[in-house]
Amino acid sequence: MLSVLSAAKEGVSAALIVSERVGDISGITTASASLFFASWAVLAIAWRRADPRLAPVAAAAGLLIALGLLGTFPPFFNLFD
């Protein structure tokens, strides 16, 4: 979603530039990786003793994967332009 926002708003794109040679994709990947590892750490601590049922977890994962794939298609992210 950050890449969609970066494509839609020039100010966001400029703020995400970590390396001039790479452009805003350097900030997008840095922010995405940071968010991934931070959420992994938080969820690992929160769920360390949990034993959730598989069906709701699989449904939530499937929904999030579908939304992620939807966000990669130009007709969808052009709606935010």
PDB file of N, CA and C in Angstrom:
ATOM      1  N   MET A   1       0.816  -1.177   0.000  1.00  0.00           N
ATOM      2  CA  MET A   1       0.000   0.000   0.000  1.00  0.00           C
ATOM      3  C   MET A   1       0.869   1.253   0.000  1.00  0.00           C
ATOM      4  N   LEU A   2       2.031   1.136   0.559  1.00  0.00           N
ATOM      5  CA  LEU A   2       2.933   2.277   0.574  1.00  0.00           C
ATOM      6  C   LEU A   2       3.380   2.636  -0.839  1.00  0.00           C
ATOM      7  N   SER A   3       3.553   1.637  -1.691  1.00  0.00           N
ATOM      8  CA  SER A   3       3.932   1.928  -3.071  1.00  0.00           C
ATOM      9  C   SER A   3       2.794   2.616  -3.818  1.00  0.00           C
ATOM     10  N   VAL A   4       1.556   2.261  -3.514  1.00  0.00           N
ATOM     11  CA  VAL A   4       0.401   2.921  -4.128  1.00  0.00           C
ATOM     12  C   VAL A   4       0.350   4.378  -3.684  1.00  0.00           C
ATOM     13  N   LEU A   5       0.538   4.611  -2.408  1.00  0.00           N
ATOM     14  CA  LEU A   5       0.535   5.972  -1.878  1.00  0.00           C
ATOM     15  C   LEU A   5       1.677   6.784  -2.466  1.00  0.00           C
ATOM     16  N   SER A   6       2.819   6.159  -2.624  1.00  0.00           N
ATOM     17  CA  SER A   6       3.972   6.833  -3.214  1.00  0.00           C
ATOM     18  C   SER A   6       3.713   7.215  -4.665  1.00  0.00           C
ATOM     19  N   ALA A   7       3.037   6.348  -5.400  1.00  0.00           N
ATOM     20  CA  ALA A   7       2.721   6.648  -6.798  1.00  0.00           C
ATOM     21  C   ALA A   7       1.665   7.739  -6.918  1.00  0.00           C
ATOM     22  N   ALA A   8       0.770   7.814  -5.943  1.00  0.00           N
ATOM     23  CA  ALA A   8      -0.322   8.770  -6.009  1.00  0.00           C
ATOM     24  C   ALA A   8       0.078  10.163  -5.528  1.00  0.00           C
ATOM     25  N   LYS A   9       0.955  10.240  -4.580  1.00  0.00           N
ATOM     26  CA  LYS A   9       1.308  11.529  -3.973  1.00  0.00           C
ATOM     27  C   LYS A   9       2.805  11.802  -4.128  1.00  0.00           C
ATOM     28  N   GLU A  10       3.144  12.898  -4.764  1.00  0.00           N
ATOM     29  CA  GLU A  10       4.543  13.244  -5.018  1.00  0.00           C
ATOM     30  C   GLU A  10       5.304  13.538  -3.723  1.00  0.00           C
ATOM     31  N   GLY A  11       4.637  14.132  -2.737  1.00  0.00           N
ATOM     32  CA  GLY A  11       5.292  14.437  -1.466  1.00  0.00           C
ATOM     33  C   GLY A  11       5.700  13.181  -0.709  1.00  0.00           C
ATOM     34  N   VAL A  12       4.862  12.167  -0.766  1.00  0.00           N
ATOM     35  CA  VAL A  12       5.181  10.891  -0.111  1.00  0.00           C
ATOM     36  C   VAL A  12       6.360  10.244  -0.815  1.00  0.00           C
ATOM     37  N   SER A  13       6.342  10.303  -2.139  1.00  0.00           N
ATOM     38  CA  SER A  13       7.432   9.717  -2.918  1.00  0.00           C
ATOM     39  C   SER A  13       8.767  10.375  -2.575  1.00  0.00           C
ATOM     40  N   ALA A  14       8.765  11.682  -2.469  1.00  0.00           N
ATOM     41  CA  ALA A  14      10.003  12.402  -2.145  1.00  0.00           C
ATOM     42  C   ALA A  14      10.477  12.089  -0.729  1.00  0.00           C
ATOM     43  N   ALA A  15       9.536  11.892   0.198  1.00  0.00           N
ATOM     44  CA  ALA A  15       9.905  11.606   1.588  1.00  0.00           C
ATOM     45  C   ALA A  15      10.493  10.209   1.755  1.00  0.00           C
ATOM     46  N   LEU A  16      10.201   9.318   0.824  1.00  0.00           N
ATOM     47  CA  LEU A  16      10.659   7.937   0.945  1.00  0.00           C
ATOM     48  C   LEU A  16      12.032   7.693   0.324  1.00  0.00           C
ATOM     49  N   ILE A  17      12.646   8.696  -0.252  1.00  0.00           N
ATOM     50  CA  ILE A  17      13.932   8.490  -0.901  1.00  0.00           C
ATOM     51  C   ILE A  17      15.033   8.361   0.150  1.00  0.00           C
ATOM     52  N   VAL A  18      15.599   7.172   0.240  1.00  0.00           N
ATOM     53  CA  VAL A  18      16.730   6.914   1.126  1.00  0.00           C
ATOM     54  C   VAL A  18      18.021   7.008   0.325  1.00  0.00           C
ATOM     55  N   SER A  19      17.995   6.495  -0.903  1.00  0.00           N
ATOM     56  CA  SER A  19      19.142   6.536  -1.803  1.00  0.00           C
ATOM     57  C   SER A  19      18.704   7.182  -3.114  1.00  0.00           C
ATOM     58  N   GLU A  20      19.383   8.228  -3.514  1.00  0.00           N
ATOM     59  CA  GLU A  20      19.041   8.929  -4.753  1.00  0.00           C
ATOM     60  C   GLU A  20      19.163   8.016  -5.969  1.00  0.00           C
ATOM     61  N   ARG A  21      20.114   7.101  -5.956  1.00  0.00           N
ATOM     62  CA  ARG A  21      20.325   6.216  -7.103  1.00  0.00           C
ATOM     63  C   ARG A  21      19.163   5.252  -7.284  1.00  0.00           C
ATOM     64  N   VAL A  22      18.496   4.901  -6.197  1.00  0.00           N
ATOM     65  CA  VAL A  22      17.413   3.932  -6.262  1.00  0.00           C
ATOM     66  C   VAL A  22      16.056   4.634  -6.333  1.00  0.00           C
ATOM     67  N   GLY A  23      15.920   5.747  -5.671  1.00  0.00           N
ATOM     68  CA  GLY A  23      14.654   6.476  -5.654  1.00  0.00           C
ATOM     69  C   GLY A  23      13.786   6.076  -4.483  1.00  0.00           C
ATOM     70  N   ASP A  24      12.483   6.267  -4.643  1.00  0.00           N
ATOM     71  CA  ASP A  24      11.576   6.024  -3.521  1.00  0.00           C
ATOM     72  C   ASP A  24      11.412   4.547  -3.168  1.00  0.00           C
ATOM     73  N   ILE A  25      11.794   3.663  -4.070  1.00  0.00           N
ATOM     74  CA  ILE A  25      11.682   2.231  -3.757  1.00  0.00           C
ATOM     75  C   ILE A  25      12.608   1.846  -2.600  1.00  0.00           C
ATOM     76  N   SER A  26      13.688   2.601  -2.413  1.00  0.00           N
ATOM     77  CA  SER A  26      14.579   2.323  -1.285  1.00  0.00           C
ATOM     78  C   SER A  26      13.875   2.569   0.051  1.00  0.00           C
ATOM     79  N   GLY A  27      13.081   3.605   0.124  1.00  0.00           N
ATOM     80  CA  GLY A  27      12.326   3.879   1.342  1.00  0.00           C
ATOM     81  C   GLY A  27      11.168   2.927   1.535  1.00  0.00           C
ATOM     82  N   ILE A  28      10.552   2.528   0.426  1.00  0.00           N
ATOM     83  CA  ILE A  28       9.431   1.596   0.504  1.00  0.00           C
ATOM     84  C   ILE A  28       9.904   0.252   1.055  1.00  0.00           C
ATOM     85  N   THR A  29      11.013  -0.253   0.532  1.00  0.00           N
ATOM     86  CA  THR A  29      11.504  -1.551   1.009  1.00  0.00           C
ATOM     87  C   THR A  29      12.022  -1.456   2.447  1.00  0.00           C
ATOM     88  N   THR A  30      12.662  -0.358   2.785  1.00  0.00           N
ATOM     89  CA  THR A  30      13.143  -0.178   4.160  1.00  0.00           C
ATOM     90  C   THR A  30      11.977  -0.122   5.139  1.00  0.00           C
ATOM     91  N   ALA A  31      10.955   0.651   4.814  1.00  0.00           N
ATOM     92  CA  ALA A  31       9.788   0.755   5.691  1.00  0.00           C
ATOM     93  C   ALA A  31       9.048  -0.571   5.781  1.00  0.00           C
ATOM     94  N   SER A  32       8.916  -1.270   4.665  1.00  0.00           N
ATOM     95  CA  SER A  32       8.213  -2.554   4.664  1.00  0.00           C
ATOM     96  C   SER A  32       8.951  -3.597   5.498  1.00  0.00           C
ATOM     97  N   ALA A  33      10.248  -3.684   5.327  1.00  0.00           N
ATOM     98  CA  ALA A  33      11.025  -4.651   6.101  1.00  0.00           C
ATOM     99  C   ALA A  33      10.989  -4.313   7.593  1.00  0.00           C
ATOM    100  N   SER A  34      11.095  -3.044   7.923  1.00  0.00           N
ATOM    101  CA  SER A  34      11.037  -2.629   9.329  1.00  0.00           C
ATOM    102  C   SER A  34       9.694  -2.971   9.949  1.00  0.00           C
ATOM    103  N   LEU A  35       8.617  -2.689   9.230  1.00  0.00           N
ATOM    104  CA  LEU A  35       7.282  -2.994   9.731  1.00  0.00           C
ATOM    105  C   LEU A  35       7.076  -4.494   9.872  1.00  0.00           C
ATOM    106  N   PHE A  36       7.572  -5.271   8.932  1.00  0.00           N
ATOM    107  CA  PHE A  36       7.450  -6.725   8.996  1.00  0.00           C
ATOM    108  C   PHE A  36       8.129  -7.281  10.250  1.00  0.00           C
ATOM    109  N   PHE A  37       9.380  -6.899  10.484  1.00  0.00           N
ATOM    110  CA  PHE A  37      10.099  -7.442  11.638  1.00  0.00           C
ATOM    111  C   PHE A  37       9.562  -6.912  12.962  1.00  0.00           C
ATOM    112  N   ALA A  38       9.101  -5.670  12.985  1.00  0.00           N
ATOM    113  CA  ALA A  38       8.512  -5.128  14.211  1.00  0.00           C
ATOM    114  C   ALA A  38       7.210  -5.850  14.549  1.00  0.00           C
ATOM    115  N   SER A  39       6.362  -6.075  13.542  1.00  0.00           N
ATOM    116  CA  SER A  39       5.110  -6.779  13.808  1.00  0.00           C
ATOM    117  C   SER A  39       5.363  -8.239  14.179  1.00  0.00           C
ATOM    118  N   TRP A  40       6.375  -8.835  13.588  1.00  0.00           N
ATOM    119  CA  TRP A  40       6.728 -10.210  13.930  1.00  0.00           C
ATOM    120  C   TRP A  40       7.126 -10.292  15.406  1.00  0.00           C
ATOM    121  N   ALA A  41       7.929  -9.354  15.868  1.00  0.00           N
ATOM    122  CA  ALA A  41       8.368  -9.349  17.268  1.00  0.00           C
ATOM    123  C   ALA A  41       7.187  -9.135  18.218  1.00  0.00           C
ATOM    124  N   VAL A  42       6.323  -8.189  17.886  1.00  0.00           N
ATOM    125  CA  VAL A  42       5.163  -7.906  18.744  1.00  0.00           C
ATOM    126  C   VAL A  42       4.230  -9.113  18.807  1.00  0.00           C
ATOM    127  N   LEU A  43       3.947  -9.711  17.658  1.00  0.00           N
ATOM    128  CA  LEU A  43       3.051 -10.867  17.650  1.00  0.00           C
ATOM    129  C   LEU A  43       3.678 -12.091  18.318  1.00  0.00           C
ATOM    130  N   ALA A  44       4.972 -12.247  18.198  1.00  0.00           N
ATOM    131  CA  ALA A  44       5.643 -13.368  18.861  1.00  0.00           C
ATOM    132  C   ALA A  44       5.524 -13.240  20.379  1.00  0.00           C
ATOM    133  N   ILE A  45       5.654 -12.041  20.888  1.00  0.00           N
ATOM    134  CA  ILE A  45       5.508 -11.818  22.329  1.00  0.00           C
ATOM    135  C   ILE A  45       4.056 -11.986  22.756  1.00  0.00           C
ATOM    136  N   ALA A  46       3.136 -11.425  21.975  1.00  0.00           N
ATOM    137  CA  ALA A  46       1.713 -11.480  22.338  1.00  0.00           C
ATOM    138  C   ALA A  46       1.148 -12.891  22.260  1.00  0.00           C
ATOM    139  N   TRP A  47       1.608 -13.688  21.314  1.00  0.00           N
ATOM    140  CA  TRP A  47       1.034 -15.007  21.093  1.00  0.00           C
ATOM    141  C   TRP A  47       1.934 -16.159  21.515  1.00  0.00           C
ATOM    142  N   ARG A  48       2.916 -15.912  22.343  1.00  0.00           N
ATOM    143  CA  ARG A  48       3.871 -16.972  22.666  1.00  0.00           C
ATOM    144  C   ARG A  48       3.235 -18.151  23.385  1.00  0.00           C
ATOM    145  N   ARG A  49       2.150 -17.942  24.120  1.00  0.00           N
ATOM    146  CA  ARG A  49       1.497 -19.028  24.832  1.00  0.00           C
ATOM    147  C   ARG A  49       0.144 -19.390  24.213  1.00  0.00           C
ATOM    148  N   ALA A  50      -0.210 -18.778  23.116  1.00  0.00           N
ATOM    149  CA  ALA A  50      -1.516 -18.997  22.491  1.00  0.00           C
ATOM    150  C   ALA A  50      -1.509 -20.272  21.647  1.00  0.00           C
ATOM    151  N   ASP A  51      -2.684 -20.866  21.550  1.00  0.00           N
ATOM    152  CA  ASP A  51      -2.875 -22.037  20.705  1.00  0.00           C
ATOM    153  C   ASP A  51      -4.156 -21.816  19.893  1.00  0.00           C
ATOM    154  N   PRO A  52      -4.093 -20.927  18.871  1.00  0.00           N
ATOM    155  CA  PRO A  52      -5.315 -20.584  18.120  1.00  0.00           C
ATOM    156  C   PRO A  52      -5.762 -21.733  17.220  1.00  0.00           C
ATOM    157  N   ARG A  53      -7.055 -21.721  16.891  1.00  0.00           N
ATOM    158  CA  ARG A  53      -7.579 -22.702  15.949  1.00  0.00           C
ATOM    159  C   ARG A  53      -7.078 -22.354  14.549  1.00  0.00           C
ATOM    160  N   LEU A  54      -6.863 -23.359  13.732  1.00  0.00           N
ATOM    161  CA  LEU A  54      -6.276 -23.171  12.411  1.00  0.00           C
ATOM    162  C   LEU A  54      -7.207 -22.452  11.441  1.00  0.00           C
ATOM    163  N   ALA A  55      -8.494 -22.751  11.470  1.00  0.00           N
ATOM    164  CA  ALA A  55      -9.429 -22.198  10.479  1.00  0.00           C
ATOM    165  C   ALA A  55      -9.469 -20.668  10.481  1.00  0.00           C
ATOM    166  N   PRO A  56      -9.632 -19.994  11.623  1.00  0.00           N
ATOM    167  CA  PRO A  56      -9.655 -18.533  11.587  1.00  0.00           C
ATOM    168  C   PRO A  56      -8.313 -17.928  11.168  1.00  0.00           C
ATOM    169  N   VAL A  57      -7.230 -18.559  11.571  1.00  0.00           N
ATOM    170  CA  VAL A  57      -5.908 -18.061  11.198  1.00  0.00           C
ATOM    171  C   VAL A  57      -5.700 -18.203   9.691  1.00  0.00           C
ATOM    172  N   ALA A  58      -6.095 -19.340   9.129  1.00  0.00           N
ATOM    173  CA  ALA A  58      -5.968 -19.559   7.687  1.00  0.00           C
ATOM    174  C   ALA A  58      -6.863 -18.605   6.911  1.00  0.00           C
ATOM    175  N   ALA A  59      -8.069 -18.340   7.403  1.00  0.00           N
ATOM    176  CA  ALA A  59      -8.979 -17.400   6.737  1.00  0.00           C
ATOM    177  C   ALA A  59      -8.412 -15.989   6.750  1.00  0.00           C
ATOM    178  N   ALA A  60      -7.872 -15.565   7.887  1.00  0.00           N
ATOM    179  CA  ALA A  60      -7.278 -14.222   7.970  1.00  0.00           C
ATOM    180  C   ALA A  60      -6.060 -14.112   7.062  1.00  0.00           C
ATOM    181  N   ALA A  61      -5.236 -15.136   7.031  1.00  0.00           N
ATOM    182  CA  ALA A  61      -4.058 -15.125   6.162  1.00  0.00           C
ATOM    183  C   ALA A  61      -4.469 -15.075   4.694  1.00  0.00           C
ATOM    184  N   GLY A  62      -5.474 -15.860   4.321  1.00  0.00           N
ATOM    185  CA  GLY A  62      -5.957 -15.848   2.943  1.00  0.00           C
ATOM    186  C   GLY A  62      -6.505 -14.496   2.530  1.00  0.00           C
ATOM    187  N   LEU A  63      -7.254 -13.857   3.422  1.00  0.00           N
ATOM    188  CA  LEU A  63      -7.795 -12.528   3.147  1.00  0.00           C
ATOM    189  C   LEU A  63      -6.683 -11.499   2.966  1.00  0.00           C
ATOM    190  N   LEU A  64      -5.694 -11.529   3.848  1.00  0.00           N
ATOM    191  CA  LEU A  64      -4.590 -10.572   3.746  1.00  0.00           C
ATOM    192  C   LEU A  64      -3.746 -10.805   2.490  1.00  0.00           C
ATOM    193  N   ILE A  65      -3.547 -12.053   2.112  1.00  0.00           N
ATOM    194  CA  ILE A  65      -2.812 -12.353   0.879  1.00  0.00           C
ATOM    195  C   ILE A  65      -3.595 -11.856  -0.329  1.00  0.00           C
ATOM    196  N   ALA A  66      -4.916 -12.073  -0.339  1.00  0.00           N
ATOM    197  CA  ALA A  66      -5.750 -11.606  -1.451  1.00  0.00           C
ATOM    198  C   ALA A  66      -5.716 -10.079  -1.563  1.00  0.00           C
ATOM    199  N   LEU A  67      -5.793  -9.383  -0.428  1.00  0.00           N
ATOM    200  CA  LEU A  67      -5.710  -7.921  -0.459  1.00  0.00           C
ATOM    201  C   LEU A  67      -4.350  -7.448  -0.946  1.00  0.00           C
ATOM    202  N   GLY A  68      -3.304  -8.139  -0.545  1.00  0.00           N
ATOM    203  CA  GLY A  68      -1.964  -7.788  -1.014  1.00  0.00           C
ATOM    204  C   GLY A  68      -1.812  -7.970  -2.508  1.00  0.00           C
ATOM    205  N   LEU A  69      -2.352  -9.062  -3.031  1.00  0.00           N
ATOM    206  CA  LEU A  69      -2.301  -9.285  -4.475  1.00  0.00           C
ATOM    207  C   LEU A  69      -3.153  -8.268  -5.229  1.00  0.00           C
ATOM    208  N   LEU A  70      -4.316  -7.940  -4.694  1.00  0.00           N
ATOM    209  CA  LEU A  70      -5.170  -6.939  -5.323  1.00  0.00           C
ATOM    210  C   LEU A  70      -4.453  -5.596  -5.434  1.00  0.00           C
ATOM    211  N   GLY A  71      -3.673  -5.264  -4.431  1.00  0.00           N
ATOM    212  CA  GLY A  71      -2.953  -3.993  -4.431  1.00  0.00           C
ATOM    213  C   GLY A  71      -1.847  -3.895  -5.463  1.00  0.00           C
ATOM    214  N   THR A  72      -1.506  -4.999  -6.111  1.00  0.00           N
ATOM    215  CA  THR A  72      -0.445  -4.955  -7.121  1.00  0.00           C
ATOM    216  C   THR A  72      -0.965  -4.677  -8.525  1.00  0.00           C
ATOM    217  N   PHE A  73      -2.274  -4.668  -8.716  1.00  0.00           N
ATOM    218  CA  PHE A  73      -2.838  -4.480 -10.042  1.00  0.00           C
ATOM    219  C   PHE A  73      -3.126  -3.000 -10.317  1.00  0.00           C
ATOM    220  N   PRO A  74      -2.659  -2.488 -11.465  1.00  0.00           N
ATOM    221  CA  PRO A  74      -2.851  -1.068 -11.780  1.00  0.00           C
ATOM    222  C   PRO A  74      -4.296  -0.577 -11.748  1.00  0.00           C
ATOM    223  N   PRO A  75      -5.285  -1.322 -12.232  1.00  0.00           N
ATOM    224  CA  PRO A  75      -6.661  -0.781 -12.130  1.00  0.00           C
ATOM    225  C   PRO A  75      -7.071  -0.487 -10.692  1.00  0.00           C
ATOM    226  N   PHE A  76      -6.547  -1.254  -9.749  1.00  0.00           N
ATOM    227  CA  PHE A  76      -6.878  -1.006  -8.342  1.00  0.00           C
ATOM    228  C   PHE A  76      -6.121   0.194  -7.803  1.00  0.00           C
ATOM    229  N   PHE A  77      -4.787   0.199  -7.945  1.00  0.00           N
ATOM    230  CA  PHE A  77      -4.068   1.309  -7.319  1.00  0.00           C
ATOM    231  C   PHE A  77      -4.211   2.612  -8.071  1.00  0.00           C
ATOM    232  N   ASN A  78      -4.698   2.580  -9.304  1.00  0.00           N
ATOM    233  CA  ASN A  78      -4.981   3.826 -10.016  1.00  0.00           C
ATOM    234  C   ASN A  78      -6.244   4.496  -9.475  1.00  0.00           C
ATOM    235  N   LEU A  79      -7.055   3.769  -8.728  1.00  0.00           N
ATOM    236  CA  LEU A  79      -8.215   4.379  -8.084  1.00  0.00           C
ATOM    237  C   LEU A  79      -7.801   5.432  -7.059  1.00  0.00           C
ATOM    238  N   PHE A  80      -6.587   5.342  -6.544  1.00  0.00           N
ATOM    239  CA  PHE A  80      -6.105   6.262  -5.525  1.00  0.00           C
ATOM    240  C   PHE A  80      -5.355   7.447  -6.112  1.00  0.00           C
ATOM    241  N   ASP A  81      -5.292   7.527  -7.416  1.00  0.00           N
ATOM    242  CA  ASP A  81      -4.558   8.607  -8.081  1.00  0.00           C
ATOM    243  C   ASP A  81      -5.316   9.891  -8.105  1.00  0.00           C
TER     244      ASP A  81
END
